[in-house]
Protein backbone atom coordinates (compact mmCIF):
# COMPACT_ATOMS: atom_id res chain seq x y z
CA MET A 1 100.62 112.98 134.12
CA GLU A 2 101.18 111.67 130.59
CA LYS A 3 102.17 114.20 127.93
CA THR A 4 100.12 114.04 124.72
CA LEU A 5 100.64 115.22 121.16
CA SER A 6 98.61 118.31 121.88
CA GLY A 7 100.16 118.96 125.29
CA SER A 8 97.87 117.66 128.00
CA PRO A 9 95.41 114.77 128.41
CA GLN A 10 92.39 117.05 128.46
CA HIS A 11 93.22 118.18 124.88
CA ARG A 12 93.26 114.58 123.59
CA PRO A 13 90.35 113.84 121.24
CA LYS A 14 87.71 111.73 122.96
CA TYR A 15 87.97 109.01 120.30
CA MET A 16 91.74 108.53 120.74
CA ALA A 17 93.12 106.30 123.44
CA GLY A 18 96.30 107.46 125.14
CA VAL A 19 98.20 104.44 123.84
CA VAL A 20 97.32 105.36 120.24
CA GLU A 21 98.63 108.86 120.77
CA ARG A 22 101.80 107.47 122.37
CA ASN A 23 102.33 105.14 119.43
CA ILE A 24 101.90 107.99 116.93
CA ARG A 25 104.43 110.04 118.84
CA ALA A 26 106.85 107.09 118.95
CA LEU A 27 106.56 106.61 115.18
CA ILE A 28 107.11 110.29 114.50
CA ASP A 29 110.12 110.35 116.84
CA HIS A 30 111.55 107.23 115.17
CA ARG A 31 111.20 108.73 111.69
CA GLU A 32 112.83 111.93 112.83
CA GLU A 33 115.69 109.93 114.34
CA GLU A 34 116.11 108.00 111.09
CA GLU A 35 116.21 111.29 109.18
CA ARG A 36 118.91 112.68 111.55
CA ALA A 37 120.94 109.44 111.23
CA LYS A 38 121.05 109.60 107.41
CA SER A 39 124.50 110.06 105.95
CA THR A 40 125.32 113.24 104.01
CA GLN A 41 125.47 111.13 100.83
CA ASN A 42 121.93 109.82 101.42
CA ARG A 43 120.67 113.34 102.21
CA ILE A 44 122.12 114.58 98.90
CA ALA A 45 120.68 111.62 96.96
CA ASP A 46 117.26 112.17 98.56
CA ALA A 47 117.35 115.92 97.82
CA ILE A 48 118.28 115.27 94.19
CA THR A 49 115.59 112.61 93.89
CA ARG A 50 112.99 114.92 95.44
CA PHE A 51 113.92 117.72 93.04
CA THR A 52 114.01 115.48 89.96
CA GLY A 53 110.57 114.18 90.86
CA SER A 54 109.08 117.66 90.86
CA MET A 55 107.37 119.77 88.22
CA THR A 56 110.06 122.43 88.72
CA PHE A 57 112.57 119.92 87.32
CA VAL A 58 110.29 119.39 84.29
CA TYR A 59 109.89 123.14 83.71
CA VAL A 60 113.63 123.75 83.95
CA HIS A 61 114.25 121.03 81.37
CA VAL A 62 111.55 122.29 79.02
CA ILE A 63 113.10 125.76 79.15
CA VAL A 64 116.78 124.65 78.87
CA PHE A 65 116.20 122.02 76.19
CA GLY A 66 113.73 124.28 74.36
CA LEU A 67 116.23 127.13 74.26
CA TRP A 68 119.02 124.73 73.24
CA ILE A 69 116.91 123.48 70.32
CA VAL A 70 115.71 126.90 69.27
CA VAL A 71 119.26 128.33 69.30
CA ASN A 72 120.73 125.37 67.44
CA LEU A 73 118.04 125.44 64.78
CA GLY A 74 119.24 128.98 64.03
CA TRP A 75 115.95 130.60 64.97
CA VAL A 76 117.57 133.21 67.27
CA PRO A 77 119.25 135.92 65.22
CA GLY A 78 122.72 136.96 66.43
CA VAL A 79 123.16 133.82 68.60
CA PRO A 80 125.57 131.34 67.04
CA GLN A 81 124.64 127.70 66.79
CA PHE A 82 126.89 125.54 68.97
CA ASP A 83 125.29 122.08 68.57
CA GLU A 84 123.82 121.93 65.06
CA THR A 85 123.55 118.11 65.07
CA PHE A 86 122.26 117.96 68.68
CA VAL A 87 124.94 115.37 69.53
CA VAL A 88 126.04 117.40 72.59
CA LEU A 89 122.41 117.71 73.75
CA ALA A 90 121.96 113.95 73.40
CA MET A 91 125.17 113.32 75.33
CA VAL A 92 124.17 115.76 78.12
CA ALA A 93 120.73 114.13 78.39
CA SER A 94 122.28 110.65 78.46
CA VAL A 95 124.81 111.48 81.17
CA GLU A 96 122.10 113.23 83.19
CA ALA A 97 119.87 110.15 82.86
CA ILE A 98 122.69 107.89 84.11
CA PHE A 99 123.24 110.04 87.20
CA LEU A 100 119.54 110.62 87.92
CA SER A 101 118.74 106.90 87.70
CA THR A 102 121.63 106.20 90.08
CA PHE A 103 120.30 108.77 92.60
CA VAL A 104 116.81 107.33 92.31
CA LEU A 105 118.18 103.79 92.88
CA ILE A 106 120.13 104.93 95.94
CA SER A 107 116.96 106.47 97.43
CA GLN A 108 114.87 103.45 96.50
CA ASN A 109 117.34 101.05 98.07
CA ARG A 110 117.29 103.03 101.31
CA MET A 111 113.50 103.21 101.25
CA ALA A 112 113.31 99.46 100.57
CA ALA A 113 115.54 98.79 103.58
CA LEU A 114 113.28 100.98 105.74
CA ALA A 115 110.18 99.21 104.36
CA ASP A 116 111.77 95.85 105.25
CA LYS A 117 112.41 97.03 108.81
CA ARG A 118 108.82 98.24 109.12
CA ALA A 119 107.50 94.97 107.67
CA ASP A 120 109.56 93.06 110.23
CA LEU A 121 108.17 95.21 113.02
CA ASP A 122 104.65 94.71 111.67
CA LEU A 123 105.18 90.95 111.58
CA GLN A 124 106.51 90.96 115.15
CA VAL A 125 103.52 92.96 116.37
CA SER A 126 101.12 90.66 114.50
CA LEU A 127 102.78 87.58 115.97
CA LEU A 128 102.61 89.07 119.43
CA ALA A 129 98.92 89.95 118.93
CA GLU A 130 98.24 86.41 117.67
CA HIS A 131 99.94 84.97 120.75
CA GLU A 132 97.99 87.25 123.07
CA VAL A 133 94.66 86.38 121.40
CA THR A 134 95.48 82.68 121.63
CA ARG A 135 96.21 83.05 125.32
CA LEU A 136 92.99 85.06 125.83
CA LEU A 137 90.98 82.34 124.06
CA THR A 138 92.59 79.70 126.28
CA LEU A 139 91.82 81.76 129.39
CA VAL A 140 88.21 82.36 128.31
CA ARG A 141 87.74 78.68 127.50
CA ASP A 142 89.15 77.75 130.92
CA ILE A 143 86.85 80.30 132.62
CA ALA A 144 83.89 78.96 130.66
CA GLN A 145 84.66 75.41 131.80
CA LYS A 146 85.10 76.58 135.39
CA VAL A 147 81.63 78.21 135.43
CA GLY A 148 80.07 75.19 133.76
CA VAL A 149 79.83 76.23 130.09
CA ASP A 150 80.57 73.26 127.89
CA THR A 151 82.99 74.20 125.10
CA SER A 152 84.03 70.64 124.19
CA GLY A 153 81.79 70.64 121.11
CA ASP A 154 83.30 73.87 119.72
CA ALA A 155 86.04 72.54 117.45
CA GLU A 156 86.76 76.01 116.09
CA LEU A 157 87.41 77.38 119.56
CA HIS A 158 89.86 74.57 120.27
CA GLU A 159 91.56 75.15 116.92
CA LEU A 160 91.88 78.90 117.51
CA ALA A 161 93.29 78.34 121.00
CA LYS A 162 96.33 76.55 119.53
CA ASP A 163 99.56 78.51 119.24
CA VAL A 164 100.38 79.54 115.72
CA GLN A 165 103.84 78.56 114.50
CA PRO A 166 104.89 81.25 112.00
CA GLU A 167 107.48 79.02 110.38
CA LYS A 168 104.80 76.40 109.67
CA VAL A 169 102.48 79.08 108.20
CA LEU A 170 105.35 80.31 105.97
CA GLU A 171 106.12 76.76 104.85
CA LYS A 172 102.42 76.19 103.99
CA MET A 173 102.28 79.49 102.06
CA GLU A 174 105.40 78.60 100.07
CA GLN A 175 104.11 75.09 99.38
CA THR A 176 100.76 76.47 98.16
CA GLU A 177 102.55 78.99 95.90
CA ARG A 178 104.76 76.24 94.43
CA SER A 179 101.70 74.06 93.82
CA ALA A 180 99.88 76.94 92.08
CA GLU A 181 102.94 77.68 89.90
CA ALA A 182 103.29 74.03 88.97
CA ALA A 183 99.59 73.89 88.07
CA LYS A 184 100.02 77.00 85.88
CA ARG A 185 102.96 75.43 84.06
CA ARG A 186 100.95 72.28 83.35
CA THR A 187 98.16 74.26 81.69
């Protein structure tokens, strides 16, 4: 008996096919595996990026920078000013910005690599589906001919039954883009 997300087949929602549930579980398992496989450096970069992208980070900075400014304007009696020209504050903010942008770029590079892998998988699945549909159309056309249905006049059916060559589609897309860019430059 197949195990489902909710435990057993009888708990599966009526609208969800078992294969959909299996695919969801496979995706979740894959993401969890990717998370476990991340290096310590990437975990740290992701944690820092997550924190810096939060409102808590904003609140901490409002408080720290606000206090820094208030103290160095001399508005707090008994607390000596330590950065009257705010040069140190500017330097701290600049160094922080350098490191934060680096952490964000590290996380974005890793996410871009994952997105590329997912796009490749999506393309492979789409190509497989296209191939399967083409084969089904060929089979249906052959069955139709065998039972006496004339499909010879259906040019679209014959066109759809041809195998798609992805490299040719890509070449055509690139050629069309180049033509559109050339037309833009001329205008």
